Amino acid sequence: MEREKFLSSIYLIIKNDNGEVLLQRRQGTKLWPGYLALPAGHIDEGENAYEAAIRESREELGIEIQVEDIIDTFVANRKNKSLPPYYDVYFEISKYDGDLKIAEPEKCSELVWCNPSNLPDDMIDFEKEAMKNNANGIKFSVTYADNEKKLVKIKSN
């Protein structure tokens, strides 16, 4: 029997002085377009999770983070409807150098600060679930993601 192969991604939980979490509005992406999401990215071949977090923070937000400024880490094993399974590593950060900005406007339309106890309905479900588990002291969890789910905007009259 062939062994299952896993991909890996990192997620950045960046908090401001009010304890709010930074989310990005996804655009121009095949997966979860229109949803709010944590800044994130794949761990590239030859990288470790810390190096990926540092690279992604620079590429997506124009900021610099240091490994010693990571204040919490947890992992979720994500099973996907139509993608390979992932190990997602979440890093909580409250200290960084630089000014937050949308550094990849083709992938992100806005940055939003949100209360982590009241995350928006249009945030990616598995990210919300992982953050809730961590808030409850769970440092490793298994989750399922419907990566084909599309955001349906309700039009008001």
C-alpha atoms as a PDB file:
ATOM      1  CA  MET A   1       0.000   0.000   0.000  1.00  0.00           C
ATOM      2  CA  GLU A   2       1.286   3.455  -0.929  1.00  0.00           C
ATOM      3  CA  ARG A   3       1.688   5.954   1.886  1.00  0.00           C
ATOM      4  CA  GLU A   4      -0.359   9.122   1.854  1.00  0.00           C
ATOM      5  CA  LYS A   5       1.599  12.269   1.021  1.00  0.00           C
ATOM      6  CA  PHE A   6       0.978  15.529   2.868  1.00  0.00           C
ATOM      7  CA  LEU A   7       1.590  19.136   1.858  1.00  0.00           C
ATOM      8  CA  SER A   8       2.363  21.846   4.417  1.00  0.00           C
ATOM      9  CA  SER A   9       1.267  25.454   4.853  1.00  0.00           C
ATOM     10  CA  ILE A  10       1.837  28.185   7.407  1.00  0.00           C
ATOM     11  CA  TYR A  11      -0.739  30.645   8.765  1.00  0.00           C
ATOM     12  CA  LEU A  12       0.060  33.956  10.437  1.00  0.00           C
ATOM     13  CA  ILE A  13      -2.121  35.082  13.324  1.00  0.00           C
ATOM     14  CA  ILE A  14      -1.004  38.692  13.579  1.00  0.00           C
ATOM     15  CA  LYS A  15      -2.478  40.573  16.517  1.00  0.00           C
ATOM     16  CA  ASN A  16      -2.619  44.310  17.123  1.00  0.00           C
ATOM     17  CA  ASP A  17      -2.481  46.124  20.482  1.00  0.00           C
ATOM     18  CA  ASN A  18      -6.255  45.598  20.886  1.00  0.00           C
ATOM     19  CA  GLY A  19      -5.884  41.811  20.495  1.00  0.00           C
ATOM     20  CA  GLU A  20      -7.599  41.859  17.090  1.00  0.00           C
ATOM     21  CA  VAL A  21      -6.472  39.455  14.346  1.00  0.00           C
ATOM     22  CA  LEU A  22      -5.486  40.535  10.834  1.00  0.00           C
ATOM     23  CA  LEU A  23      -7.442  38.936   7.981  1.00  0.00           C
ATOM     24  CA  GLN A  24      -7.082  39.316   4.223  1.00  0.00           C
ATOM     25  CA  ARG A  25      -9.899  39.336   1.667  1.00  0.00           C
ATOM     26  CA  ARG A  26      -8.906  36.778  -0.986  1.00  0.00           C
ATOM     27  CA  GLN A  27      -9.273  37.699  -4.653  1.00  0.00           C
ATOM     28  CA  GLY A  28      -7.958  36.326  -7.924  1.00  0.00           C
ATOM     29  CA  THR A  29      -7.487  32.921  -6.304  1.00  0.00           C
ATOM     30  CA  LYS A  30      -8.871  29.567  -7.371  1.00  0.00           C
ATOM     31  CA  LEU A  31      -9.589  28.521  -3.781  1.00  0.00           C
ATOM     32  CA  TRP A  32     -11.926  30.452  -1.472  1.00  0.00           C
ATOM     33  CA  PRO A  33     -12.195  33.667  -3.558  1.00  0.00           C
ATOM     34  CA  GLY A  34     -13.943  36.460  -1.670  1.00  0.00           C
ATOM     35  CA  TYR A  35     -13.386  34.869   1.736  1.00  0.00           C
ATOM     36  CA  LEU A  36     -11.530  36.462   4.605  1.00  0.00           C
ATOM     37  CA  ALA A  37      -8.475  34.446   5.589  1.00  0.00           C
ATOM     38  CA  LEU A  38      -5.337  34.567   7.640  1.00  0.00           C
ATOM     39  CA  PRO A  39      -2.174  35.507   5.758  1.00  0.00           C
ATOM     40  CA  ALA A  40      -0.784  32.133   4.702  1.00  0.00           C
ATOM     41  CA  GLY A  41       1.249  30.194   2.205  1.00  0.00           C
ATOM     42  CA  HIS A  42       2.869  26.916   1.311  1.00  0.00           C
ATOM     43  CA  ILE A  43       6.112  25.744   2.820  1.00  0.00           C
ATOM     44  CA  ASP A  44       8.344  25.568  -0.243  1.00  0.00           C
ATOM     45  CA  GLU A  45      10.769  22.752  -0.929  1.00  0.00           C
ATOM     46  CA  GLY A  46      13.929  23.236   1.124  1.00  0.00           C
ATOM     47  CA  GLU A  47      12.207  25.586   3.624  1.00  0.00           C
ATOM     48  CA  ASN A  48      11.220  24.937   7.187  1.00  0.00           C
ATOM     49  CA  ALA A  49       8.011  26.357   8.665  1.00  0.00           C
ATOM     50  CA  TYR A  50       9.790  29.323  10.282  1.00  0.00           C
ATOM     51  CA  GLU A  51      11.470  30.298   7.009  1.00  0.00           C
ATOM     52  CA  ALA A  52       8.135  30.067   5.201  1.00  0.00           C
ATOM     53  CA  ALA A  53       6.473  32.309   7.811  1.00  0.00           C
ATOM     54  CA  ILE A  54       9.212  34.914   7.463  1.00  0.00           C
ATOM     55  CA  ARG A  55       9.013  34.787   3.646  1.00  0.00           C
ATOM     56  CA  GLU A  56       5.216  34.912   3.496  1.00  0.00           C
ATOM     57  CA  SER A  57       5.014  37.856   5.930  1.00  0.00           C
ATOM     58  CA  ARG A  58       7.366  39.787   3.668  1.00  0.00           C
ATOM     59  CA  GLU A  59       5.690  38.740   0.381  1.00  0.00           C
ATOM     60  CA  GLU A  60       2.069  39.237   1.432  1.00  0.00           C
ATOM     61  CA  LEU A  61       2.263  42.064   3.971  1.00  0.00           C
ATOM     62  CA  GLY A  62       5.607  43.821   3.519  1.00  0.00           C
ATOM     63  CA  ILE A  63       6.663  43.181   7.128  1.00  0.00           C
ATOM     64  CA  GLU A  64       9.580  41.423   8.774  1.00  0.00           C
ATOM     65  CA  ILE A  65       9.090  38.931  11.595  1.00  0.00           C
ATOM     66  CA  GLN A  66      11.622  37.169  13.781  1.00  0.00           C
ATOM     67  CA  VAL A  67      11.337  33.579  15.019  1.00  0.00           C
ATOM     68  CA  GLU A  68      11.857  34.745  18.617  1.00  0.00           C
ATOM     69  CA  ASP A  69       8.747  36.955  18.306  1.00  0.00           C
ATOM     70  CA  ILE A  70       6.443  33.994  17.640  1.00  0.00           C
ATOM     71  CA  ILE A  71       4.370  33.645  20.808  1.00  0.00           C
ATOM     72  CA  ASP A  72       2.240  30.592  20.008  1.00  0.00           C
ATOM     73  CA  THR A  73       2.249  27.730  17.542  1.00  0.00           C
ATOM     74  CA  PHE A  74      -0.250  24.982  16.840  1.00  0.00           C
ATOM     75  CA  VAL A  75      -0.893  22.469  14.067  1.00  0.00           C
ATOM     76  CA  ALA A  76      -3.953  21.167  12.230  1.00  0.00           C
ATOM     77  CA  ASN A  77      -4.030  18.097  10.005  1.00  0.00           C
ATOM     78  CA  ARG A  78      -6.391  19.208   7.243  1.00  0.00           C
ATOM     79  CA  LYS A  79      -8.217  16.738   5.039  1.00  0.00           C
ATOM     80  CA  ASN A  80      -9.621  18.324   1.891  1.00  0.00           C
ATOM     81  CA  LYS A  81     -12.544  17.495  -0.351  1.00  0.00           C
ATOM     82  CA  SER A  82     -10.520  17.618  -3.579  1.00  0.00           C
ATOM     83  CA  LEU A  83      -6.944  18.501  -2.618  1.00  0.00           C
ATOM     84  CA  PRO A  84      -4.219  16.417  -0.995  1.00  0.00           C
ATOM     85  CA  PRO A  85      -4.116  16.503   2.810  1.00  0.00           C
ATOM     86  CA  TYR A  86      -2.113  19.218   4.571  1.00  0.00           C
ATOM     87  CA  TYR A  87      -0.335  19.865   7.810  1.00  0.00           C
ATOM     88  CA  ASP A  88      -1.083  23.501   8.635  1.00  0.00           C
ATOM     89  CA  VAL A  89       1.237  25.272  11.075  1.00  0.00           C
ATOM     90  CA  TYR A  90      -0.235  28.369  12.753  1.00  0.00           C
ATOM     91  CA  PHE A  91       2.051  31.051  14.204  1.00  0.00           C
ATOM     92  CA  GLU A  92       0.797  33.819  16.488  1.00  0.00           C
ATOM     93  CA  ILE A  93       2.722  37.070  16.182  1.00  0.00           C
ATOM     94  CA  SER A  94       2.266  40.464  17.809  1.00  0.00           C
ATOM     95  CA  LYS A  95       5.658  42.032  17.066  1.00  0.00           C
ATOM     96  CA  TYR A  96       6.954  42.808  13.578  1.00  0.00           C
ATOM     97  CA  ASP A  97       8.962  45.453  11.745  1.00  0.00           C
ATOM     98  CA  GLY A  98       7.451  47.570   8.988  1.00  0.00           C
ATOM     99  CA  ASP A  99       4.003  48.847   8.085  1.00  0.00           C
ATOM    100  CA  LEU A 100       1.335  46.323   7.143  1.00  0.00           C
ATOM    101  CA  LYS A 101       0.201  46.685   3.551  1.00  0.00           C
ATOM    102  CA  ILE A 102      -1.312  44.657   0.749  1.00  0.00           C
ATOM    103  CA  ALA A 103       1.866  43.557  -0.996  1.00  0.00           C
ATOM    104  CA  GLU A 104       0.106  41.198  -3.433  1.00  0.00           C
ATOM    105  CA  PRO A 105      -2.954  43.148  -4.672  1.00  0.00           C
ATOM    106  CA  GLU A 106      -3.684  40.474  -7.285  1.00  0.00           C
ATOM    107  CA  LYS A 107      -4.404  38.039  -4.402  1.00  0.00           C
ATOM    108  CA  CYS A 108      -5.815  40.343  -1.714  1.00  0.00           C
ATOM    109  CA  SER A 109      -8.380  43.149  -1.928  1.00  0.00           C
ATOM    110  CA  GLU A 110      -8.436  44.339   1.701  1.00  0.00           C
ATOM    111  CA  LEU A 111      -6.969  43.915   5.169  1.00  0.00           C
ATOM    112  CA  VAL A 112      -9.400  43.694   8.084  1.00  0.00           C
ATOM    113  CA  TRP A 113      -8.868  43.595  11.864  1.00  0.00           C
ATOM    114  CA  CYS A 114     -11.299  41.254  13.647  1.00  0.00           C
ATOM    115  CA  ASN A 115     -12.066  40.192  17.193  1.00  0.00           C
ATOM    116  CA  PRO A 116     -10.785  36.585  17.500  1.00  0.00           C
ATOM    117  CA  SER A 117     -13.769  35.751  19.740  1.00  0.00           C
ATOM    118  CA  ASN A 118     -16.206  36.876  17.048  1.00  0.00           C
ATOM    119  CA  LEU A 119     -14.704  35.964  13.685  1.00  0.00           C
ATOM    120  CA  PRO A 120     -16.760  36.890  10.590  1.00  0.00           C
ATOM    121  CA  ASP A 121     -19.079  34.409   8.869  1.00  0.00           C
ATOM    122  CA  ASP A 122     -17.215  34.872   5.582  1.00  0.00           C
ATOM    123  CA  MET A 123     -13.896  33.642   6.995  1.00  0.00           C
ATOM    124  CA  ILE A 124     -12.568  30.270   5.803  1.00  0.00           C
ATOM    125  CA  ASP A 125     -14.172  27.651   8.071  1.00  0.00           C
ATOM    126  CA  PHE A 126     -11.159  25.449   8.785  1.00  0.00           C
ATOM    127  CA  GLU A 127      -9.058  28.455   9.842  1.00  0.00           C
ATOM    128  CA  LYS A 128     -11.795  29.562  12.254  1.00  0.00           C
ATOM    129  CA  GLU A 129     -12.000  26.034  13.634  1.00  0.00           C
ATOM    130  CA  ALA A 130      -8.227  25.814  14.182  1.00  0.00           C
ATOM    131  CA  MET A 131      -8.170  29.195  15.953  1.00  0.00           C
ATOM    132  CA  LYS A 132     -11.098  28.179  18.176  1.00  0.00           C
ATOM    133  CA  ASN A 133      -9.367  24.909  19.066  1.00  0.00           C
ATOM    134  CA  ASN A 134      -6.186  26.774  19.977  1.00  0.00           C
ATOM    135  CA  ALA A 135      -8.139  29.239  22.138  1.00  0.00           C
ATOM    136  CA  ASN A 136      -9.454  26.169  23.985  1.00  0.00           C
ATOM    137  CA  GLY A 137      -5.916  24.848  24.561  1.00  0.00           C
ATOM    138  CA  ILE A 138      -5.902  22.317  21.707  1.00  0.00           C
ATOM    139  CA  LYS A 139      -2.486  22.458  20.014  1.00  0.00           C
ATOM    140  CA  PHE A 140      -3.136  19.699  17.457  1.00  0.00           C
ATOM    141  CA  SER A 141      -6.396  18.981  15.675  1.00  0.00           C
ATOM    142  CA  VAL A 142      -7.798  17.324  12.578  1.00  0.00           C
ATOM    143  CA  THR A 143     -10.181  19.257  10.364  1.00  0.00           C
ATOM    144  CA  TYR A 144     -12.026  18.850   7.056  1.00  0.00           C
ATOM    145  CA  ALA A 145     -12.119  21.514   4.355  1.00  0.00           C
ATOM    146  CA  ASP A 146     -14.543  21.821   1.485  1.00  0.00           C
ATOM    147  CA  ASN A 147     -12.141  23.631  -0.815  1.00  0.00           C
ATOM    148  CA  GLU A 148     -14.824  23.797  -3.496  1.00  0.00           C
ATOM    149  CA  LYS A 149     -17.126  25.889  -1.306  1.00  0.00           C
ATOM    150  CA  LYS A 150     -17.863  29.286  -2.818  1.00  0.00           C
ATOM    151  CA  LEU A 151     -18.857  32.472  -1.069  1.00  0.00           C
ATOM    152  CA  VAL A 152     -22.440  33.429  -1.885  1.00  0.00           C
ATOM    153  CA  LYS A 153     -23.105  37.125  -1.461  1.00  0.00           C
ATOM    154  CA  ILE A 154     -26.629  37.940  -0.405  1.00  0.00           C
ATOM    155  CA  LYS A 155     -27.919  40.937  -2.329  1.00  0.00           C
ATOM    156  CA  SER A 156     -30.046  43.350  -0.365  1.00  0.00           C
ATOM    157  CA  ASN A 157     -33.064  44.996  -1.952  1.00  0.00           C
END
